Amino acid sequence: MGHLTVVAVMAVLFTLFMEAEANPFTYNYERLRIGGLVCASLLFIGGLSIIFYNRCSTKNKKVEDDNSEI
């Protein structure tokens, strides 16, 4: 399921940056800014999920260790 999500995000970003213009060196800076913000927010959310995943997994291990000592 994760690979399908990555493909969907890449398709959306690809369509955001596709433009049929006569001059290939004319940039749409608003689309570039929005694409950058989307990419930065996805990386930020991914980092937070990694941090919280490690914290949650260590809490679960401590609970199991406490039960085994009793």
PDB file of N, CA and C in Angstrom:
ATOM      1  N   MET A   1       0.820  -1.189   0.000  1.00  0.00           N
ATOM      2  CA  MET A   1       0.000   0.000   0.000  1.00  0.00           C
ATOM      3  C   MET A   1       0.863   1.251   0.000  1.00  0.00           C
ATOM      4  N   GLY A   2       2.037   1.178   0.625  1.00  0.00           N
ATOM      5  CA  GLY A   2       2.910   2.335   0.700  1.00  0.00           C
ATOM      6  C   GLY A   2       3.448   2.740  -0.666  1.00  0.00           C
ATOM      7  N   HIS A   3       3.731   1.747  -1.511  1.00  0.00           N
ATOM      8  CA  HIS A   3       4.255   2.047  -2.840  1.00  0.00           C
ATOM      9  C   HIS A   3       3.189   2.725  -3.697  1.00  0.00           C
ATOM     10  N   LEU A   4       1.945   2.320  -3.518  1.00  0.00           N
ATOM     11  CA  LEU A   4       0.855   2.932  -4.269  1.00  0.00           C
ATOM     12  C   LEU A   4       0.694   4.396  -3.878  1.00  0.00           C
ATOM     13  N   THR A   5       0.873   4.703  -2.607  1.00  0.00           N
ATOM     14  CA  THR A   5       0.776   6.080  -2.141  1.00  0.00           C
ATOM     15  C   THR A   5       1.894   6.925  -2.729  1.00  0.00           C
ATOM     16  N   VAL A   6       3.096   6.383  -2.771  1.00  0.00           N
ATOM     17  CA  VAL A   6       4.232   7.117  -3.342  1.00  0.00           C
ATOM     18  C   VAL A   6       3.992   7.396  -4.818  1.00  0.00           C
ATOM     19  N   VAL A   7       3.470   6.421  -5.538  1.00  0.00           N
ATOM     20  CA  VAL A   7       3.193   6.607  -6.960  1.00  0.00           C
ATOM     21  C   VAL A   7       2.118   7.672  -7.158  1.00  0.00           C
ATOM     22  N   ALA A   8       1.097   7.672  -6.303  1.00  0.00           N
ATOM     23  CA  ALA A   8       0.032   8.666  -6.418  1.00  0.00           C
ATOM     24  C   ALA A   8       0.561  10.070  -6.144  1.00  0.00           C
ATOM     25  N   VAL A   9       1.405  10.218  -5.139  1.00  0.00           N
ATOM     26  CA  VAL A   9       1.981  11.531  -4.823  1.00  0.00           C
ATOM     27  C   VAL A   9       2.872  12.003  -5.959  1.00  0.00           C
ATOM     28  N   MET A  10       3.660  11.104  -6.513  1.00  0.00           N
ATOM     29  CA  MET A  10       4.526  11.478  -7.634  1.00  0.00           C
ATOM     30  C   MET A  10       3.701  11.893  -8.852  1.00  0.00           C
ATOM     31  N   ALA A  11       2.582  11.225  -9.090  1.00  0.00           N
ATOM     32  CA  ALA A  11       1.729  11.586 -10.220  1.00  0.00           C
ATOM     33  C   ALA A  11       1.127  12.972 -10.027  1.00  0.00           C
ATOM     34  N   VAL A  12       0.711  13.286  -8.801  1.00  0.00           N
ATOM     35  CA  VAL A  12       0.147  14.609  -8.522  1.00  0.00           C
ATOM     36  C   VAL A  12       1.205  15.684  -8.705  1.00  0.00           C
ATOM     37  N   LEU A  13       2.404  15.460  -8.182  1.00  0.00           N
ATOM     38  CA  LEU A  13       3.477  16.441  -8.340  1.00  0.00           C
ATOM     39  C   LEU A  13       3.868  16.600  -9.809  1.00  0.00           C
ATOM     40  N   PHE A  14       3.851  15.521 -10.547  1.00  0.00           N
ATOM     41  CA  PHE A  14       4.193  15.583 -11.968  1.00  0.00           C
ATOM     42  C   PHE A  14       3.178  16.421 -12.731  1.00  0.00           C
ATOM     43  N   THR A  15       1.893  16.257 -12.428  1.00  0.00           N
ATOM     44  CA  THR A  15       0.872  17.036 -13.120  1.00  0.00           C
ATOM     45  C   THR A  15       0.905  18.498 -12.708  1.00  0.00           C
ATOM     46  N   LEU A  16       1.362  18.798 -11.491  1.00  0.00           N
ATOM     47  CA  LEU A  16       1.480  20.192 -11.078  1.00  0.00           C
ATOM     48  C   LEU A  16       2.534  20.930 -11.897  1.00  0.00           C
ATOM     49  N   PHE A  17       3.606  20.242 -12.234  1.00  0.00           N
ATOM     50  CA  PHE A  17       4.706  20.895 -12.920  1.00  0.00           C
ATOM     51  C   PHE A  17       4.633  20.784 -14.445  1.00  0.00           C
ATOM     52  N   MET A  18       3.648  20.071 -14.967  1.00  0.00           N
ATOM     53  CA  MET A  18       3.515  19.943 -16.415  1.00  0.00           C
ATOM     54  C   MET A  18       2.831  21.177 -16.984  1.00  0.00           C
ATOM     55  N   GLU A  19       3.482  21.805 -17.927  1.00  0.00           N
ATOM     56  CA  GLU A  19       2.897  22.945 -18.621  1.00  0.00           C
ATOM     57  C   GLU A  19       3.328  22.890 -20.077  1.00  0.00           C
ATOM     58  N   ALA A  20       2.415  23.248 -20.940  1.00  0.00           N
ATOM     59  CA  ALA A  20       2.742  23.324 -22.359  1.00  0.00           C
ATOM     60  C   ALA A  20       3.000  24.794 -22.690  1.00  0.00           C
ATOM     61  N   GLU A  21       4.254  25.197 -22.611  1.00  0.00           N
ATOM     62  CA  GLU A  21       4.628  26.573 -22.908  1.00  0.00           C
ATOM     63  C   GLU A  21       5.595  26.587 -24.082  1.00  0.00           C
ATOM     64  N   ALA A  22       5.617  27.704 -24.779  1.00  0.00           N
ATOM     65  CA  ALA A  22       6.516  27.837 -25.915  1.00  0.00           C
ATOM     66  C   ALA A  22       7.964  27.954 -25.447  1.00  0.00           C
ATOM     67  N   ASN A  23       8.195  28.663 -24.360  1.00  0.00           N
ATOM     68  CA  ASN A  23       9.543  28.862 -23.839  1.00  0.00           C
ATOM     69  C   ASN A  23       9.750  27.938 -22.642  1.00  0.00           C
ATOM     70  N   PRO A  24      10.658  26.969 -22.741  1.00  0.00           N
ATOM     71  CA  PRO A  24      10.844  26.036 -21.622  1.00  0.00           C
ATOM     72  C   PRO A  24      11.525  26.669 -20.414  1.00  0.00           C
ATOM     73  N   PHE A  25      12.064  27.885 -20.551  1.00  0.00           N
ATOM     74  CA  PHE A  25      12.752  28.529 -19.439  1.00  0.00           C
ATOM     75  C   PHE A  25      11.878  29.544 -18.711  1.00  0.00           C
ATOM     76  N   THR A  26      10.593  29.544 -18.993  1.00  0.00           N
ATOM     77  CA  THR A  26       9.651  30.386 -18.262  1.00  0.00           C
ATOM     78  C   THR A  26       9.066  29.534 -17.148  1.00  0.00           C
ATOM     79  N   TYR A  27       9.269  29.972 -15.916  1.00  0.00           N
ATOM     80  CA  TYR A  27       8.853  29.178 -14.769  1.00  0.00           C
ATOM     81  C   TYR A  27       7.628  29.791 -14.112  1.00  0.00           C
ATOM     82  N   ASN A  28       6.775  28.942 -13.619  1.00  0.00           N
ATOM     83  CA  ASN A  28       5.630  29.376 -12.836  1.00  0.00           C
ATOM     84  C   ASN A  28       6.034  29.233 -11.371  1.00  0.00           C
ATOM     85  N   TYR A  29       6.424  30.331 -10.761  1.00  0.00           N
ATOM     86  CA  TYR A  29       6.991  30.275  -9.419  1.00  0.00           C
ATOM     87  C   TYR A  29       5.954  29.926  -8.360  1.00  0.00           C
ATOM     88  N   GLU A  30       4.687  30.222  -8.615  1.00  0.00           N
ATOM     89  CA  GLU A  30       3.668  29.861  -7.629  1.00  0.00           C
ATOM     90  C   GLU A  30       3.510  28.343  -7.559  1.00  0.00           C
ATOM     91  N   ARG A  31       3.491  27.685  -8.685  1.00  0.00           N
ATOM     92  CA  ARG A  31       3.403  26.220  -8.676  1.00  0.00           C
ATOM     93  C   ARG A  31       4.655  25.606  -8.063  1.00  0.00           C
ATOM     94  N   LEU A  32       5.798  26.192  -8.345  1.00  0.00           N
ATOM     95  CA  LEU A  32       7.044  25.701  -7.770  1.00  0.00           C
ATOM     96  C   LEU A  32       7.038  25.854  -6.250  1.00  0.00           C
ATOM     97  N   ARG A  33       6.527  26.979  -5.771  1.00  0.00           N
ATOM     98  CA  ARG A  33       6.450  27.221  -4.331  1.00  0.00           C
ATOM     99  C   ARG A  33       5.487  26.241  -3.667  1.00  0.00           C
ATOM    100  N   ILE A  34       4.333  26.023  -4.283  1.00  0.00           N
ATOM    101  CA  ILE A  34       3.349  25.095  -3.716  1.00  0.00           C
ATOM    102  C   ILE A  34       3.899  23.669  -3.718  1.00  0.00           C
ATOM    103  N   GLY A  35       4.554  23.277  -4.799  1.00  0.00           N
ATOM    104  CA  GLY A  35       5.159  21.945  -4.853  1.00  0.00           C
ATOM    105  C   GLY A  35       6.229  21.769  -3.793  1.00  0.00           C
ATOM    106  N   GLY A  36       7.024  22.807  -3.562  1.00  0.00           N
ATOM    107  CA  GLY A  36       8.047  22.752  -2.519  1.00  0.00           C
ATOM    108  C   GLY A  36       7.446  22.642  -1.134  1.00  0.00           C
ATOM    109  N   LEU A  37       6.363  23.376  -0.903  1.00  0.00           N
ATOM    110  CA  LEU A  37       5.696  23.299   0.399  1.00  0.00           C
ATOM    111  C   LEU A  37       5.080  21.922   0.630  1.00  0.00           C
ATOM    112  N   VAL A  38       4.513  21.338  -0.414  1.00  0.00           N
ATOM    113  CA  VAL A  38       3.940  19.994  -0.290  1.00  0.00           C
ATOM    114  C   VAL A  38       5.036  18.984   0.012  1.00  0.00           C
ATOM    115  N   CYS A  39       6.142  19.081  -0.697  1.00  0.00           N
ATOM    116  CA  CYS A  39       7.260  18.159  -0.475  1.00  0.00           C
ATOM    117  C   CYS A  39       7.835  18.327   0.929  1.00  0.00           C
ATOM    118  N   ALA A  40       8.012  19.578   1.370  1.00  0.00           N
ATOM    119  CA  ALA A  40       8.551  19.833   2.707  1.00  0.00           C
ATOM    120  C   ALA A  40       7.608  19.326   3.788  1.00  0.00           C
ATOM    121  N   SER A  41       6.304  19.507   3.594  1.00  0.00           N
ATOM    122  CA  SER A  41       5.356  19.041   4.610  1.00  0.00           C
ATOM    123  C   SER A  41       5.324  17.515   4.676  1.00  0.00           C
ATOM    124  N   LEU A  42       5.439  16.847   3.528  1.00  0.00           N
ATOM    125  CA  LEU A  42       5.477  15.381   3.542  1.00  0.00           C
ATOM    126  C   LEU A  42       6.723  14.869   4.253  1.00  0.00           C
ATOM    127  N   LEU A  43       7.863  15.516   4.012  1.00  0.00           N
ATOM    128  CA  LEU A  43       9.088  15.117   4.703  1.00  0.00           C
ATOM    129  C   LEU A  43       8.990  15.384   6.201  1.00  0.00           C
ATOM    130  N   PHE A  44       8.391  16.503   6.580  1.00  0.00           N
ATOM    131  CA  PHE A  44       8.224  16.843   7.992  1.00  0.00           C
ATOM    132  C   PHE A  44       7.317  15.839   8.694  1.00  0.00           C
ATOM    133  N   ILE A  45       6.201  15.500   8.074  1.00  0.00           N
ATOM    134  CA  ILE A  45       5.270  14.528   8.660  1.00  0.00           C
ATOM    135  C   ILE A  45       5.925  13.148   8.734  1.00  0.00           C
ATOM    136  N   GLY A  46       6.707  12.791   7.721  1.00  0.00           N
ATOM    137  CA  GLY A  46       7.427  11.515   7.758  1.00  0.00           C
ATOM    138  C   GLY A  46       8.425  11.462   8.894  1.00  0.00           C
ATOM    139  N   GLY A  47       9.137  12.562   9.125  1.00  0.00           N
ATOM    140  CA  GLY A  47      10.083  12.620  10.239  1.00  0.00           C
ATOM    141  C   GLY A  47       9.396  12.508  11.581  1.00  0.00           C
ATOM    142  N   LEU A  48       8.268  13.206  11.725  1.00  0.00           N
ATOM    143  CA  LEU A  48       7.518  13.107  12.980  1.00  0.00           C
ATOM    144  C   LEU A  48       6.999  11.694  13.209  1.00  0.00           C
ATOM    145  N   SER A  49       6.549  11.045  12.139  1.00  0.00           N
ATOM    146  CA  SER A  49       6.033   9.683  12.307  1.00  0.00           C
ATOM    147  C   SER A  49       7.147   8.723  12.718  1.00  0.00           C
ATOM    148  N   ILE A  50       8.358   8.921  12.206  1.00  0.00           N
ATOM    149  CA  ILE A  50       9.484   8.074  12.609  1.00  0.00           C
ATOM    150  C   ILE A  50       9.819   8.301  14.074  1.00  0.00           C
ATOM    151  N   ILE A  51       9.834   9.564  14.499  1.00  0.00           N
ATOM    152  CA  ILE A  51      10.146   9.879  15.900  1.00  0.00           C
ATOM    153  C   ILE A  51       9.103   9.274  16.828  1.00  0.00           C
ATOM    154  N   PHE A  52       7.821   9.465  16.516  1.00  0.00           N
ATOM    155  CA  PHE A  52       6.778   8.947  17.394  1.00  0.00           C
ATOM    156  C   PHE A  52       6.673   7.431  17.330  1.00  0.00           C
ATOM    157  N   TYR A  53       7.027   6.820  16.207  1.00  0.00           N
ATOM    158  CA  TYR A  53       7.011   5.363  16.121  1.00  0.00           C
ATOM    159  C   TYR A  53       8.045   4.776  17.075  1.00  0.00           C
ATOM    160  N   ASN A  54       9.235   5.372  17.117  1.00  0.00           N
ATOM    161  CA  ASN A  54      10.272   4.876  18.023  1.00  0.00           C
ATOM    162  C   ASN A  54       9.864   5.063  19.478  1.00  0.00           C
ATOM    163  N   ARG A  55       9.223   6.158  19.804  1.00  0.00           N
ATOM    164  CA  ARG A  55       8.789   6.383  21.182  1.00  0.00           C
ATOM    165  C   ARG A  55       7.691   5.402  21.582  1.00  0.00           C
ATOM    166  N   CYS A  56       6.762   5.146  20.677  1.00  0.00           N
ATOM    167  CA  CYS A  56       5.672   4.226  20.998  1.00  0.00           C
ATOM    168  C   CYS A  56       6.185   2.793  21.128  1.00  0.00           C
ATOM    169  N   SER A  57       7.126   2.409  20.302  1.00  0.00           N
ATOM    170  CA  SER A  57       7.626   1.036  20.371  1.00  0.00           C
ATOM    171  C   SER A  57       8.449   0.819  21.636  1.00  0.00           C
ATOM    172  N   THR A  58       9.165   1.838  22.132  1.00  0.00           N
ATOM    173  CA  THR A  58       9.922   1.667  23.374  1.00  0.00           C
ATOM    174  C   THR A  58       8.989   1.623  24.570  1.00  0.00           C
ATOM    175  N   LYS A  59       7.877   2.346  24.523  1.00  0.00           N
ATOM    176  CA  LYS A  59       6.917   2.291  25.629  1.00  0.00           C
ATOM    177  C   LYS A  59       6.276   0.911  25.713  1.00  0.00           C
ATOM    178  N   ASN A  60       5.974   0.317  24.577  1.00  0.00           N
ATOM    179  CA  ASN A  60       5.371  -1.009  24.571  1.00  0.00           C
ATOM    180  C   ASN A  60       6.335  -2.057  25.118  1.00  0.00           C
ATOM    181  N   LYS A  61       7.611  -1.932  24.822  1.00  0.00           N
ATOM    182  CA  LYS A  61       8.590  -2.894  25.325  1.00  0.00           C
ATOM    183  C   LYS A  61       8.753  -2.769  26.834  1.00  0.00           C
ATOM    184  N   LYS A  62       8.696  -1.548  27.357  1.00  0.00           N
ATOM    185  CA  LYS A  62       8.833  -1.355  28.795  1.00  0.00           C
ATOM    186  C   LYS A  62       7.648  -1.959  29.540  1.00  0.00           C
ATOM    187  N   VAL A  63       6.461  -1.840  28.978  1.00  0.00           N
ATOM    188  CA  VAL A  63       5.279  -2.413  29.614  1.00  0.00           C
ATOM    189  C   VAL A  63       5.400  -3.928  29.649  1.00  0.00           C
ATOM    190  N   GLU A  64       5.879  -4.529  28.575  1.00  0.00           N
ATOM    191  CA  GLU A  64       6.048  -5.978  28.547  1.00  0.00           C
ATOM    192  C   GLU A  64       7.112  -6.426  29.540  1.00  0.00           C
ATOM    193  N   ASP A  65       8.206  -5.663  29.684  1.00  0.00           N
ATOM    194  CA  ASP A  65       9.255  -6.017  30.628  1.00  0.00           C
ATOM    195  C   ASP A  65       8.752  -5.913  32.063  1.00  0.00           C
ATOM    196  N   ASP A  66       7.949  -4.897  32.372  1.00  0.00           N
ATOM    197  CA  ASP A  66       7.430  -4.737  33.722  1.00  0.00           C
ATOM    198  C   ASP A  66       6.501  -5.894  34.091  1.00  0.00           C
ATOM    199  N   ASN A  67       5.710  -6.357  33.157  1.00  0.00           N
ATOM    200  CA  ASN A  67       4.799  -7.465  33.428  1.00  0.00           C
ATOM    201  C   ASN A  67       5.566  -8.767  33.637  1.00  0.00           C
ATOM    202  N   SER A  68       6.682  -8.938  32.950  1.00  0.00           N
ATOM    203  CA  SER A  68       7.434 -10.182  33.085  1.00  0.00           C
ATOM    204  C   SER A  68       8.194 -10.239  34.411  1.00  0.00           C
ATOM    205  N   GLU A  69       8.559  -9.081  34.969  1.00  0.00           N
ATOM    206  CA  GLU A  69       9.280  -9.067  36.235  1.00  0.00           C
ATOM    207  C   GLU A  69       8.358  -9.373  37.415  1.00  0.00           C
ATOM    208  N   ILE A  70       7.105  -9.067  37.277  1.00  0.00           N
ATOM    209  CA  ILE A  70       6.162  -9.296  38.385  1.00  0.00           C
ATOM    210  C   ILE A  70       5.833 -10.736  38.423  1.00  0.00           C
TER     211      ILE A  70
END
